[in-house]
């Protein structure tokens, strides 16, 4: 223990000395106690003709980074298309992962079943190129049509390589109702395992927002404390809300008693970027879902980065935007306000 203290003191003195000559070193250094990863959830299936031959499949993969002196709350960053969105800004600058490691939050990067590093599926599937780069431009809220950026866009519009990185770093996605349930079940197993601690906040985006909500519904512990969903595409409703269940992007209807688990969370924040009006279908659903959660004693909020924080030009993935330090400050305020910064 004494050796660790001496090492840390010497390290901080060295960093302080470097900061006078190199301004970029003045940021708080990232000190890790450990990092690694593990698989969780899933099934083991047998070959239909040779039962002694098995396959471990439909598991998720969790990569973790634990600071030297960690806070209690763990941030599970759940992407919709690639972990890269949390690792770096659009232009390759610092991403949410390192920003919050500097703040001493344990950070977990989650690949749900059949996605990324958890791509062993229990069922056969085929891949067909979708040719959707241009469609993603609009879906990611870069502008009203390809290649016309919003004038105030927080994407680095001048950087062709940034656009290439955004489109090429994606994983194959499985946008089906079945996958929502497969991914949320594995995530619930991870949450209930205790490996992520007993104060979990999901940082979700797009389709993973729906999956994070369903994870809270399926969890059998109180380890999940909050959800912050950036532009969630899909919401959960109770079965008494007179809502018809939808497809891969919801709505998903669950028994009332399961829905009430969302109301028992410390807080939920549905975050929207810029250039989204109240008539956008998923904005309307976020309003409905928040109202229902609060109706049963919950603490859900719909938050617009432009209207409520003055951050203009935010994209579908504001945590990767050029002003993601300001977006991170909004998240930090949310954590502090709800006593999740301990």
C-alpha atoms as a PDB file:
ATOM      1  CA  UNK A   1       0.000   0.000   0.000  1.00  0.00           C
ATOM      2  CA  UNK A   2       2.825   2.404   0.919  1.00  0.00           C
ATOM      3  CA  UNK A   3       4.526   1.695  -2.405  1.00  0.00           C
ATOM      4  CA  UNK A   4       1.331   2.615  -4.247  1.00  0.00           C
ATOM      5  CA  UNK A   5       1.067   5.933  -2.380  1.00  0.00           C
ATOM      6  CA  UNK A   6       4.693   6.820  -3.094  1.00  0.00           C
ATOM      7  CA  UNK A   7       4.298   5.928  -6.774  1.00  0.00           C
ATOM      8  CA  UNK A   8       1.145   8.019  -7.089  1.00  0.00           C
ATOM      9  CA  UNK A   9       2.759  11.026  -5.415  1.00  0.00           C
ATOM     10  CA  UNK A  10       5.805  10.846  -7.698  1.00  0.00           C
ATOM     11  CA  UNK A  11       3.596  10.402 -10.745  1.00  0.00           C
ATOM     12  CA  UNK A  12       1.531  13.478  -9.937  1.00  0.00           C
ATOM     13  CA  UNK A  13       4.701  15.549  -9.381  1.00  0.00           C
ATOM     14  CA  UNK A  14       5.998  14.488 -12.790  1.00  0.00           C
ATOM     15  CA  UNK A  15       2.681  15.326 -14.452  1.00  0.00           C
ATOM     16  CA  UNK A  16       2.602  18.712 -12.726  1.00  0.00           C
ATOM     17  CA  UNK A  17       6.093  19.468 -14.019  1.00  0.00           C
ATOM     18  CA  UNK A  18       5.147  18.434 -17.540  1.00  0.00           C
ATOM     19  CA  UNK A  19       2.058  20.647 -17.469  1.00  0.00           C
ATOM     20  CA  UNK A  20       4.147  23.826 -17.300  1.00  0.00           C
ATOM     21  CA  UNK A  21       5.818  22.981 -20.607  1.00  0.00           C
ATOM     22  CA  UNK A  22       2.899  21.206 -22.300  1.00  0.00           C
ATOM     23  CA  UNK A  23      -0.504  22.858 -21.812  1.00  0.00           C
ATOM     24  CA  UNK A  24      -2.349  19.814 -23.145  1.00  0.00           C
ATOM     25  CA  UNK A  25      -1.043  17.836 -20.167  1.00  0.00           C
ATOM     26  CA  UNK A  26      -2.917  20.053 -17.710  1.00  0.00           C
ATOM     27  CA  UNK A  27      -5.961  17.755 -17.948  1.00  0.00           C
ATOM     28  CA  UNK A  28      -6.414  15.385 -15.052  1.00  0.00           C
ATOM     29  CA  UNK A  29      -4.459  12.221 -15.925  1.00  0.00           C
ATOM     30  CA  UNK A  30      -6.248   8.908 -16.245  1.00  0.00           C
ATOM     31  CA  UNK A  31      -5.049   6.527 -13.541  1.00  0.00           C
ATOM     32  CA  UNK A  32      -6.375   3.005 -13.940  1.00  0.00           C
ATOM     33  CA  UNK A  33      -6.420   0.337 -11.288  1.00  0.00           C
ATOM     34  CA  UNK A  34      -7.334  -2.323 -13.844  1.00  0.00           C
ATOM     35  CA  UNK A  35      -9.013  -2.944 -17.177  1.00  0.00           C
ATOM     36  CA  UNK A  36     -10.280  -5.989 -18.999  1.00  0.00           C
ATOM     37  CA  UNK A  37     -13.410  -7.635 -20.296  1.00  0.00           C
ATOM     38  CA  UNK A  38     -15.762 -10.580 -19.905  1.00  0.00           C
ATOM     39  CA  UNK A  39     -18.632 -12.350 -21.617  1.00  0.00           C
ATOM     40  CA  UNK A  40     -21.984 -12.589 -19.889  1.00  0.00           C
ATOM     41  CA  UNK A  41     -25.377 -14.171 -20.444  1.00  0.00           C
ATOM     42  CA  UNK A  42     -26.211 -16.203 -23.491  1.00  0.00           C
ATOM     43  CA  UNK A  43     -26.861 -19.892 -23.956  1.00  0.00           C
ATOM     44  CA  UNK A  44     -25.080 -23.133 -24.764  1.00  0.00           C
ATOM     45  CA  UNK A  45     -26.741 -25.061 -27.558  1.00  0.00           C
ATOM     46  CA  UNK A  46     -26.067 -28.550 -28.914  1.00  0.00           C
ATOM     47  CA  UNK A  47     -25.564 -29.606 -32.492  1.00  0.00           C
ATOM     48  CA  UNK A  48     -28.878 -31.042 -33.776  1.00  0.00           C
ATOM     49  CA  UNK A  49     -27.201 -34.295 -34.892  1.00  0.00           C
ATOM     50  CA  UNK A  50     -24.159 -34.438 -32.616  1.00  0.00           C
ATOM     51  CA  UNK A  51     -25.340 -33.440 -29.114  1.00  0.00           C
ATOM     52  CA  UNK A  52     -21.832 -33.649 -27.663  1.00  0.00           C
ATOM     53  CA  UNK A  53     -20.787 -30.716 -29.858  1.00  0.00           C
ATOM     54  CA  UNK A  54     -21.891 -27.402 -28.376  1.00  0.00           C
ATOM     55  CA  UNK A  55     -21.804 -23.685 -29.102  1.00  0.00           C
ATOM     56  CA  UNK A  56     -21.737 -20.859 -26.568  1.00  0.00           C
ATOM     57  CA  UNK A  57     -23.764 -18.079 -28.149  1.00  0.00           C
ATOM     58  CA  UNK A  58     -26.018 -15.029 -27.707  1.00  0.00           C
ATOM     59  CA  UNK A  59     -23.808 -13.709 -24.925  1.00  0.00           C
ATOM     60  CA  UNK A  60     -22.832 -10.078 -24.499  1.00  0.00           C
ATOM     61  CA  UNK A  61     -19.322  -8.689 -24.099  1.00  0.00           C
ATOM     62  CA  UNK A  62     -18.360  -6.100 -21.489  1.00  0.00           C
ATOM     63  CA  UNK A  63     -15.073  -4.192 -21.602  1.00  0.00           C
ATOM     64  CA  UNK A  64     -14.245  -2.339 -18.402  1.00  0.00           C
ATOM     65  CA  UNK A  65     -11.917   0.392 -17.157  1.00  0.00           C
ATOM     66  CA  UNK A  66     -11.673   0.908 -13.401  1.00  0.00           C
ATOM     67  CA  UNK A  67      -9.950   4.103 -12.155  1.00  0.00           C
ATOM     68  CA  UNK A  68      -7.379   4.066  -9.383  1.00  0.00           C
ATOM     69  CA  UNK A  69      -9.761   5.655  -6.876  1.00  0.00           C
ATOM     70  CA  UNK A  70     -13.180   4.930  -8.405  1.00  0.00           C
ATOM     71  CA  UNK A  71     -16.492   6.498  -7.629  1.00  0.00           C
ATOM     72  CA  UNK A  72     -19.300   4.169  -6.633  1.00  0.00           C
ATOM     73  CA  UNK A  73     -21.422   4.755  -9.742  1.00  0.00           C
ATOM     74  CA  UNK A  74     -20.550   2.771 -12.862  1.00  0.00           C
ATOM     75  CA  UNK A  75     -21.296   4.180 -16.313  1.00  0.00           C
ATOM     76  CA  UNK A  76     -22.297   1.508 -18.819  1.00  0.00           C
ATOM     77  CA  UNK A  77     -21.973   3.021 -22.294  1.00  0.00           C
ATOM     78  CA  UNK A  78     -24.325   1.195 -24.612  1.00  0.00           C
ATOM     79  CA  UNK A  79     -23.943   2.015 -28.290  1.00  0.00           C
ATOM     80  CA  UNK A  80     -26.405   1.464 -31.095  1.00  0.00           C
ATOM     81  CA  UNK A  81     -23.828   0.877 -33.819  1.00  0.00           C
ATOM     82  CA  UNK A  82     -20.227   0.935 -32.508  1.00  0.00           C
ATOM     83  CA  UNK A  83     -18.265   1.391 -29.283  1.00  0.00           C
ATOM     84  CA  UNK A  84     -16.165   3.900 -31.232  1.00  0.00           C
ATOM     85  CA  UNK A  85     -18.902   6.479 -30.684  1.00  0.00           C
ATOM     86  CA  UNK A  86     -18.009   6.545 -26.971  1.00  0.00           C
ATOM     87  CA  UNK A  87     -14.266   6.173 -27.444  1.00  0.00           C
ATOM     88  CA  UNK A  88     -13.676   9.261 -29.572  1.00  0.00           C
ATOM     89  CA  UNK A  89     -15.214  12.464 -30.770  1.00  0.00           C
ATOM     90  CA  UNK A  90     -16.245  12.516 -34.451  1.00  0.00           C
ATOM     91  CA  UNK A  91     -12.882  14.043 -35.361  1.00  0.00           C
ATOM     92  CA  UNK A  92     -10.870  11.614 -33.227  1.00  0.00           C
ATOM     93  CA  UNK A  93     -10.711  13.887 -30.175  1.00  0.00           C
ATOM     94  CA  UNK A  94     -11.425  12.763 -26.637  1.00  0.00           C
ATOM     95  CA  UNK A  95     -14.620  10.788 -26.196  1.00  0.00           C
ATOM     96  CA  UNK A  96     -16.952  10.097 -23.302  1.00  0.00           C
ATOM     97  CA  UNK A  97     -14.978   7.064 -22.132  1.00  0.00           C
ATOM     98  CA  UNK A  98     -11.853   9.031 -21.282  1.00  0.00           C
ATOM     99  CA  UNK A  99     -13.752  12.121 -20.143  1.00  0.00           C
ATOM    100  CA  UNK A 100     -15.497  10.193 -17.421  1.00  0.00           C
ATOM    101  CA  UNK A 101     -12.502   8.076 -16.518  1.00  0.00           C
ATOM    102  CA  UNK A 102     -10.777  11.390 -15.761  1.00  0.00           C
ATOM    103  CA  UNK A 103     -13.713  12.094 -13.454  1.00  0.00           C
ATOM    104  CA  UNK A 104     -13.013   8.708 -11.767  1.00  0.00           C
ATOM    105  CA  UNK A 105     -16.159   6.916 -12.913  1.00  0.00           C
ATOM    106  CA  UNK A 106     -15.766   3.211 -13.714  1.00  0.00           C
ATOM    107  CA  UNK A 107     -16.599   2.910 -17.419  1.00  0.00           C
ATOM    108  CA  UNK A 108     -17.988  -0.149 -19.158  1.00  0.00           C
ATOM    109  CA  UNK A 109     -18.357  -0.506 -22.934  1.00  0.00           C
ATOM    110  CA  UNK A 110     -21.099  -2.959 -23.840  1.00  0.00           C
ATOM    111  CA  UNK A 111     -21.492  -5.025 -26.999  1.00  0.00           C
ATOM    112  CA  UNK A 112     -24.868  -6.729 -26.865  1.00  0.00           C
ATOM    113  CA  UNK A 113     -25.458 -10.253 -28.197  1.00  0.00           C
ATOM    114  CA  UNK A 114     -24.794 -10.725 -31.927  1.00  0.00           C
ATOM    115  CA  UNK A 115     -23.083  -7.332 -32.171  1.00  0.00           C
ATOM    116  CA  UNK A 116     -19.386  -6.433 -32.359  1.00  0.00           C
ATOM    117  CA  UNK A 117     -17.279  -8.571 -30.065  1.00  0.00           C
ATOM    118  CA  UNK A 118     -20.290 -10.690 -29.087  1.00  0.00           C
ATOM    119  CA  UNK A 119     -21.189 -11.826 -32.582  1.00  0.00           C
ATOM    120  CA  UNK A 120     -21.697 -15.558 -31.989  1.00  0.00           C
ATOM    121  CA  UNK A 121     -25.433 -16.039 -32.610  1.00  0.00           C
ATOM    122  CA  UNK A 122     -27.501 -19.071 -31.627  1.00  0.00           C
ATOM    123  CA  UNK A 123     -29.427 -18.852 -34.888  1.00  0.00           C
ATOM    124  CA  UNK A 124     -28.252 -18.646 -38.511  1.00  0.00           C
ATOM    125  CA  UNK A 125     -28.373 -15.322 -40.285  1.00  0.00           C
ATOM    126  CA  UNK A 126     -27.153 -13.870 -43.567  1.00  0.00           C
ATOM    127  CA  UNK A 127     -25.548 -10.533 -44.281  1.00  0.00           C
ATOM    128  CA  UNK A 128     -26.741  -8.364 -47.156  1.00  0.00           C
ATOM    129  CA  UNK A 129     -25.113  -4.960 -47.797  1.00  0.00           C
ATOM    130  CA  UNK A 130     -27.644  -2.228 -47.023  1.00  0.00           C
ATOM    131  CA  UNK A 131     -26.022   0.757 -48.806  1.00  0.00           C
ATOM    132  CA  UNK A 132     -27.278   3.174 -46.188  1.00  0.00           C
ATOM    133  CA  UNK A 133     -24.459   5.673 -45.614  1.00  0.00           C
ATOM    134  CA  UNK A 134     -26.470   8.518 -47.101  1.00  0.00           C
ATOM    135  CA  UNK A 135     -29.605   7.561 -45.159  1.00  0.00           C
ATOM    136  CA  UNK A 136     -27.557   7.531 -41.958  1.00  0.00           C
ATOM    137  CA  UNK A 137     -26.591  11.148 -42.611  1.00  0.00           C
ATOM    138  CA  UNK A 138     -30.200  12.165 -41.964  1.00  0.00           C
ATOM    139  CA  UNK A 139     -30.858   9.561 -39.247  1.00  0.00           C
ATOM    140  CA  UNK A 140     -27.817  10.789 -37.331  1.00  0.00           C
ATOM    141  CA  UNK A 141     -29.200  14.345 -37.535  1.00  0.00           C
ATOM    142  CA  UNK A 142     -26.223  15.778 -39.405  1.00  0.00           C
ATOM    143  CA  UNK A 143     -28.533  17.684 -41.712  1.00  0.00           C
ATOM    144  CA  UNK A 144     -31.924  17.686 -43.478  1.00  0.00           C
ATOM    145  CA  UNK A 145     -30.608  15.778 -46.513  1.00  0.00           C
ATOM    146  CA  UNK A 146     -27.325  14.311 -47.729  1.00  0.00           C
ATOM    147  CA  UNK A 147     -24.829  16.003 -47.980  1.00  0.00           C
ATOM    148  CA  UNK A 148     -26.368  19.212 -46.588  1.00  0.00           C
ATOM    149  CA  UNK A 149     -25.241  19.742 -42.998  1.00  0.00           C
ATOM    150  CA  UNK A 150     -27.187  21.910 -40.595  1.00  0.00           C
ATOM    151  CA  UNK A 151     -25.379  25.294 -40.588  1.00  0.00           C
ATOM    152  CA  UNK A 152     -24.601  24.944 -36.868  1.00  0.00           C
ATOM    153  CA  UNK A 153     -23.871  21.205 -36.909  1.00  0.00           C
ATOM    154  CA  UNK A 154     -21.486  19.963 -34.232  1.00  0.00           C
ATOM    155  CA  UNK A 155     -20.150  17.375 -36.671  1.00  0.00           C
ATOM    156  CA  UNK A 156     -16.763  18.432 -38.149  1.00  0.00           C
ATOM    157  CA  UNK A 157     -18.253  19.237 -41.553  1.00  0.00           C
ATOM    158  CA  UNK A 158     -14.866  20.145 -43.026  1.00  0.00           C
ATOM    159  CA  UNK A 159     -13.332  16.767 -42.249  1.00  0.00           C
ATOM    160  CA  UNK A 160     -13.904  14.084 -44.905  1.00  0.00           C
ATOM    161  CA  UNK A 161     -12.040  11.537 -42.792  1.00  0.00           C
ATOM    162  CA  UNK A 162     -14.458  12.117 -39.906  1.00  0.00           C
ATOM    163  CA  UNK A 163     -17.358  11.198 -42.196  1.00  0.00           C
ATOM    164  CA  UNK A 164     -15.463   8.109 -43.346  1.00  0.00           C
ATOM    165  CA  UNK A 165     -14.783   7.070 -39.755  1.00  0.00           C
ATOM    166  CA  UNK A 166     -18.426   7.591 -38.784  1.00  0.00           C
ATOM    167  CA  UNK A 167     -19.691   5.340 -41.569  1.00  0.00           C
ATOM    168  CA  UNK A 168     -16.967   2.678 -41.494  1.00  0.00           C
ATOM    169  CA  UNK A 169     -16.716   2.039 -37.749  1.00  0.00           C
ATOM    170  CA  UNK A 170     -20.207   0.590 -37.517  1.00  0.00           C
ATOM    171  CA  UNK A 171     -21.104  -2.996 -36.677  1.00  0.00           C
ATOM    172  CA  UNK A 172     -23.866  -4.983 -38.319  1.00  0.00           C
ATOM    173  CA  UNK A 173     -27.066  -4.194 -36.416  1.00  0.00           C
ATOM    174  CA  UNK A 174     -29.944  -6.527 -35.619  1.00  0.00           C
ATOM    175  CA  UNK A 175     -32.973  -4.286 -35.362  1.00  0.00           C
ATOM    176  CA  UNK A 176     -35.669  -6.788 -34.484  1.00  0.00           C
ATOM    177  CA  UNK A 177     -37.993  -7.236 -31.529  1.00  0.00           C
ATOM    178  CA  UNK A 178     -36.278 -10.563 -30.838  1.00  0.00           C
ATOM    179  CA  UNK A 179     -32.911  -8.839 -30.590  1.00  0.00           C
ATOM    180  CA  UNK A 180     -34.288  -6.230 -28.185  1.00  0.00           C
ATOM    181  CA  UNK A 181     -35.202  -9.075 -25.847  1.00  0.00           C
ATOM    182  CA  UNK A 182     -31.973 -11.054 -26.379  1.00  0.00           C
ATOM    183  CA  UNK A 183     -29.782  -8.013 -25.713  1.00  0.00           C
ATOM    184  CA  UNK A 184     -31.744  -6.720 -22.734  1.00  0.00           C
ATOM    185  CA  UNK A 185     -31.799 -10.167 -21.129  1.00  0.00           C
ATOM    186  CA  UNK A 186     -28.009 -10.480 -21.352  1.00  0.00           C
ATOM    187  CA  UNK A 187     -27.616  -6.925 -20.037  1.00  0.00           C
ATOM    188  CA  UNK A 188     -29.930  -7.699 -17.115  1.00  0.00           C
ATOM    189  CA  UNK A 189     -27.827 -10.761 -16.273  1.00  0.00           C
ATOM    190  CA  UNK A 190     -24.752  -8.510 -16.277  1.00  0.00           C
ATOM    191  CA  UNK A 191     -26.457  -5.925 -14.060  1.00  0.00           C
ATOM    192  CA  UNK A 192     -27.683  -8.539 -11.589  1.00  0.00           C
ATOM    193  CA  UNK A 193     -24.315 -10.318 -11.449  1.00  0.00           C
ATOM    194  CA  UNK A 194     -22.741  -7.626  -9.277  1.00  0.00           C
ATOM    195  CA  UNK A 195     -19.758  -7.342 -11.621  1.00  0.00           C
ATOM    196  CA  UNK A 196     -20.804  -3.794 -12.544  1.00  0.00           C
ATOM    197  CA  UNK A 197     -21.346  -2.703  -8.955  1.00  0.00           C
ATOM    198  CA  UNK A 198     -24.575  -1.719  -7.239  1.00  0.00           C
ATOM    199  CA  UNK A 199     -24.990   1.749  -8.760  1.00  0.00           C
ATOM    200  CA  UNK A 200     -25.292   1.444 -12.532  1.00  0.00           C
ATOM    201  CA  UNK A 201     -26.142   4.255 -14.939  1.00  0.00           C
ATOM    202  CA  UNK A 202     -26.768   3.322 -18.557  1.00  0.00           C
ATOM    203  CA  UNK A 203     -25.563   5.869 -21.111  1.00  0.00           C
ATOM    204  CA  UNK A 204     -27.526   4.819 -24.180  1.00  0.00           C
ATOM    205  CA  UNK A 205     -28.104   6.102 -27.692  1.00  0.00           C
ATOM    206  CA  UNK A 206     -30.679   5.528 -30.417  1.00  0.00           C
ATOM    207  CA  UNK A 207     -31.898   1.903 -30.467  1.00  0.00           C
ATOM    208  CA  UNK A 208     -29.971   1.060 -27.297  1.00  0.00           C
ATOM    209  CA  UNK A 209     -32.226   3.456 -25.371  1.00  0.00           C
ATOM    210  CA  UNK A 210     -35.114   1.013 -25.778  1.00  0.00           C
ATOM    211  CA  UNK A 211     -32.855  -1.877 -24.809  1.00  0.00           C
ATOM    212  CA  UNK A 212     -31.676  -0.091 -21.651  1.00  0.00           C
ATOM    213  CA  UNK A 213     -35.285   0.494 -20.608  1.00  0.00           C
ATOM    214  CA  UNK A 214     -36.068  -3.182 -21.160  1.00  0.00           C
ATOM    215  CA  UNK A 215     -32.985  -4.147 -19.159  1.00  0.00           C
ATOM    216  CA  UNK A 216     -34.333  -2.247 -16.154  1.00  0.00           C
ATOM    217  CA  UNK A 217     -37.661  -4.027 -16.648  1.00  0.00           C
ATOM    218  CA  UNK A 218     -35.982  -7.460 -16.705  1.00  0.00           C
ATOM    219  CA  UNK A 219     -33.505  -6.861 -13.870  1.00  0.00           C
ATOM    220  CA  UNK A 220     -34.225  -8.600 -10.575  1.00  0.00           C
ATOM    221  CA  UNK A 221     -32.036  -6.383  -8.383  1.00  0.00           C
ATOM    222  CA  UNK A 222     -31.823  -2.687  -7.544  1.00  0.00           C
ATOM    223  CA  UNK A 223     -28.340  -2.319  -9.045  1.00  0.00           C
ATOM    224  CA  UNK A 224     -29.590  -0.188 -11.961  1.00  0.00           C
ATOM    225  CA  UNK A 225     -30.024   3.371 -10.752  1.00  0.00           C
ATOM    226  CA  UNK A 226     -30.522   5.511 -13.859  1.00  0.00           C
ATOM    227  CA  UNK A 227     -30.765   5.723 -17.631  1.00  0.00           C
ATOM    228  CA  UNK A 228     -29.552   8.609 -19.773  1.00  0.00           C
ATOM    229  CA  UNK A 229     -30.689   7.958 -23.341  1.00  0.00           C
ATOM    230  CA  UNK A 230     -29.495  10.217 -26.141  1.00  0.00           C
ATOM    231  CA  UNK A 231     -32.191  10.352 -28.830  1.00  0.00           C
ATOM    232  CA  UNK A 232     -33.748   7.036 -27.866  1.00  0.00           C
ATOM    233  CA  UNK A 233     -35.523   5.335 -30.750  1.00  0.00           C
ATOM    234  CA  UNK A 234     -38.142   3.305 -28.906  1.00  0.00           C
ATOM    235  CA  UNK A 235     -39.944   3.344 -25.554  1.00  0.00           C
ATOM    236  CA  UNK A 236     -41.594   0.990 -23.073  1.00  0.00           C
ATOM    237  CA  UNK A 237     -45.258   1.316 -22.113  1.00  0.00           C
ATOM    238  CA  UNK A 238     -47.436  -0.417 -19.504  1.00  0.00           C
ATOM    239  CA  UNK A 239     -50.182  -2.728 -20.723  1.00  0.00           C
ATOM    240  CA  UNK A 240     -52.908  -0.418 -19.391  1.00  0.00           C
ATOM    241  CA  UNK A 241     -51.809   2.567 -21.525  1.00  0.00           C
ATOM    242  CA  UNK A 242     -53.884   1.625 -24.579  1.00  0.00           C
ATOM    243  CA  UNK A 243     -50.769   1.524 -26.773  1.00  0.00           C
ATOM    244  CA  UNK A 244     -50.270  -0.960 -29.594  1.00  0.00           C
ATOM    245  CA  UNK A 245     -46.949  -2.786 -29.563  1.00  0.00           C
ATOM    246  CA  UNK A 246     -44.704  -1.984 -32.497  1.00  0.00           C
ATOM    247  CA  UNK A 247     -41.652  -3.442 -34.173  1.00  0.00           C
ATOM    248  CA  UNK A 248     -37.908  -3.178 -33.713  1.00  0.00           C
ATOM    249  CA  UNK A 249     -38.102   0.431 -32.501  1.00  0.00           C
ATOM    250  CA  UNK A 250     -41.081  -0.071 -30.221  1.00  0.00           C
ATOM    251  CA  UNK A 251     -43.316   0.643 -28.619  1.00  0.00           C
ATOM    252  CA  UNK A 252     -42.826  -2.388 -26.406  1.00  0.00           C
ATOM    253  CA  UNK A 253     -45.715  -3.119 -24.059  1.00  0.00           C
ATOM    254  CA  UNK A 254     -45.019  -4.849 -20.736  1.00  0.00           C
ATOM    255  CA  UNK A 255     -47.134  -5.759 -17.693  1.00  0.00           C
ATOM    256  CA  UNK A 256     -47.799  -2.777 -15.437  1.00  0.00           C
ATOM    257  CA  UNK A 257     -45.860  -4.235 -12.523  1.00  0.00           C
ATOM    258  CA  UNK A 258     -42.794  -4.645 -14.740  1.00  0.00           C
ATOM    259  CA  UNK A 259     -43.189  -1.110 -16.086  1.00  0.00           C
ATOM    260  CA  UNK A 260     -43.174   0.221 -12.524  1.00  0.00           C
ATOM    261  CA  UNK A 261     -39.534  -0.875 -12.259  1.00  0.00           C
ATOM    262  CA  UNK A 262     -38.704   2.155 -14.433  1.00  0.00           C
ATOM    263  CA  UNK A 263     -40.474   4.356 -11.898  1.00  0.00           C
ATOM    264  CA  UNK A 264     -38.294   2.918  -9.127  1.00  0.00           C
ATOM    265  CA  UNK A 265     -35.064   4.092 -10.733  1.00  0.00           C
ATOM    266  CA  UNK A 266     -33.415   7.135  -9.207  1.00  0.00           C
ATOM    267  CA  UNK A 267     -33.752   9.069 -12.460  1.00  0.00           C
ATOM    268  CA  UNK A 268     -34.268   8.744 -16.211  1.00  0.00           C
ATOM    269  CA  UNK A 269     -33.320  11.412 -18.742  1.00  0.00           C
ATOM    270  CA  UNK A 270     -34.354  11.276 -22.393  1.00  0.00           C
ATOM    271  CA  UNK A 271     -31.978  13.670 -24.156  1.00  0.00           C
ATOM    272  CA  UNK A 272     -32.597  15.241 -27.558  1.00  0.00           C
ATOM    273  CA  UNK A 273     -30.173  17.058 -29.821  1.00  0.00           C
ATOM    274  CA  UNK A 274     -30.904  20.109 -31.927  1.00  0.00           C
ATOM    275  CA  UNK A 275     -33.310  20.356 -34.887  1.00  0.00           C
ATOM    276  CA  UNK A 276     -35.857  18.048 -33.296  1.00  0.00           C
ATOM    277  CA  UNK A 277     -39.365  19.430 -32.871  1.00  0.00           C
ATOM    278  CA  UNK A 278     -42.237  18.175 -30.746  1.00  0.00           C
ATOM    279  CA  UNK A 279     -43.858  16.465 -33.732  1.00  0.00           C
ATOM    280  CA  UNK A 280     -40.934  14.088 -34.265  1.00  0.00           C
ATOM    281  CA  UNK A 281     -42.483  10.666 -33.469  1.00  0.00           C
ATOM    282  CA  UNK A 282     -39.846   9.568 -30.975  1.00  0.00           C
ATOM    283  CA  UNK A 283     -39.906  12.951 -29.199  1.00  0.00           C
ATOM    284  CA  UNK A 284     -43.640  12.519 -28.742  1.00  0.00           C
ATOM    285  CA  UNK A 285     -43.092   8.996 -27.425  1.00  0.00           C
ATOM    286  CA  UNK A 286     -40.408  10.199 -25.001  1.00  0.00           C
ATOM    287  CA  UNK A 287     -42.907  12.718 -23.603  1.00  0.00           C
ATOM    288  CA  UNK A 288     -45.537   9.998 -23.209  1.00  0.00           C
ATOM    289  CA  UNK A 289     -43.130   7.526 -21.614  1.00  0.00           C
ATOM    290  CA  UNK A 290     -41.765  10.114 -19.151  1.00  0.00           C
ATOM    291  CA  UNK A 291     -45.295  11.122 -18.154  1.00  0.00           C
ATOM    292  CA  UNK A 292     -46.292   7.513 -17.516  1.00  0.00           C
ATOM    293  CA  UNK A 293     -43.142   6.803 -15.510  1.00  0.00           C
ATOM    294  CA  UNK A 294     -43.753   9.879 -13.370  1.00  0.00           C
ATOM    295  CA  UNK A 295     -47.409   8.930 -12.969  1.00  0.00           C
ATOM    296  CA  UNK A 296     -46.227   5.895 -11.012  1.00  0.00           C
ATOM    297  CA  UNK A 297     -43.869   7.876  -8.807  1.00  0.00           C
ATOM    298  CA  UNK A 298     -40.825   7.969 -11.057  1.00  0.00           C
ATOM    299  CA  UNK A 299     -38.357  10.700 -11.932  1.00  0.00           C
ATOM    300  CA  UNK A 300     -38.204  10.904 -15.728  1.00  0.00           C
ATOM    301  CA  UNK A 301     -37.304  13.993 -17.722  1.00  0.00           C
ATOM    302  CA  UNK A 302     -37.201  14.967 -21.389  1.00  0.00           C
ATOM    303  CA  UNK A 303     -34.214  17.248 -21.959  1.00  0.00           C
ATOM    304  CA  UNK A 304     -33.376  19.228 -25.101  1.00  0.00           C
ATOM    305  CA  UNK A 305     -29.721  20.161 -25.414  1.00  0.00           C
ATOM    306  CA  UNK A 306     -30.599  23.218 -27.515  1.00  0.00           C
ATOM    307  CA  UNK A 307     -33.592  24.579 -25.583  1.00  0.00           C
ATOM    308  CA  UNK A 308     -32.580  23.524 -22.085  1.00  0.00           C
ATOM    309  CA  UNK A 309     -28.782  23.848 -22.219  1.00  0.00           C
ATOM    310  CA  UNK A 310     -28.196  26.273 -25.090  1.00  0.00           C
ATOM    311  CA  UNK A 311     -26.116  23.760 -27.057  1.00  0.00           C
ATOM    312  CA  UNK A 312     -26.815  24.307 -30.739  1.00  0.00           C
ATOM    313  CA  UNK A 313     -26.209  21.856 -33.561  1.00  0.00           C
ATOM    314  CA  UNK A 314     -26.167  18.686 -31.448  1.00  0.00           C
ATOM    315  CA  UNK A 315     -26.399  15.518 -33.537  1.00  0.00           C
ATOM    316  CA  UNK A 316     -28.051  12.160 -32.899  1.00  0.00           C
ATOM    317  CA  UNK A 317     -24.954  11.164 -30.882  1.00  0.00           C
ATOM    318  CA  UNK A 318     -24.173  14.376 -29.017  1.00  0.00           C
ATOM    319  CA  UNK A 319     -21.577  12.652 -26.828  1.00  0.00           C
ATOM    320  CA  UNK A 320     -19.355  12.415 -29.943  1.00  0.00           C
ATOM    321  CA  UNK A 321     -19.933  16.002 -31.109  1.00  0.00           C
ATOM    322  CA  UNK A 322     -17.287  18.699 -31.286  1.00  0.00           C
ATOM    323  CA  UNK A 323     -18.725  20.259 -28.106  1.00  0.00           C
ATOM    324  CA  UNK A 324     -18.999  16.951 -26.261  1.00  0.00           C
ATOM    325  CA  UNK A 325     -17.207  18.495 -23.281  1.00  0.00           C
ATOM    326  CA  UNK A 326     -20.277  20.714 -22.802  1.00  0.00           C
ATOM    327  CA  UNK A 327     -22.599  17.761 -23.318  1.00  0.00           C
ATOM    328  CA  UNK A 328     -20.569  15.860 -20.711  1.00  0.00           C
ATOM    329  CA  UNK A 329     -21.058  18.769 -18.296  1.00  0.00           C
ATOM    330  CA  UNK A 330     -24.832  18.327 -18.684  1.00  0.00           C
ATOM    331  CA  UNK A 331     -24.474  14.636 -17.835  1.00  0.00           C
ATOM    332  CA  UNK A 332     -22.247  15.461 -14.877  1.00  0.00           C
ATOM    333  CA  UNK A 333     -24.901  17.871 -13.599  1.00  0.00           C
ATOM    334  CA  UNK A 334     -27.517  15.109 -13.911  1.00  0.00           C
ATOM    335  CA  UNK A 335     -25.351  12.709 -11.904  1.00  0.00           C
ATOM    336  CA  UNK A 336     -24.667  15.283  -9.195  1.00  0.00           C
ATOM    337  CA  UNK A 337     -28.291  16.369  -8.934  1.00  0.00           C
ATOM    338  CA  UNK A 338     -29.393  12.779  -8.405  1.00  0.00           C
ATOM    339  CA  UNK A 339     -26.607  11.878  -5.944  1.00  0.00           C
ATOM    340  CA  UNK A 340     -25.023   9.484  -8.425  1.00  0.00           C
ATOM    341  CA  UNK A 341     -21.587  11.112  -8.322  1.00  0.00           C
ATOM    342  CA  UNK A 342     -20.387   9.474  -5.127  1.00  0.00           C
END
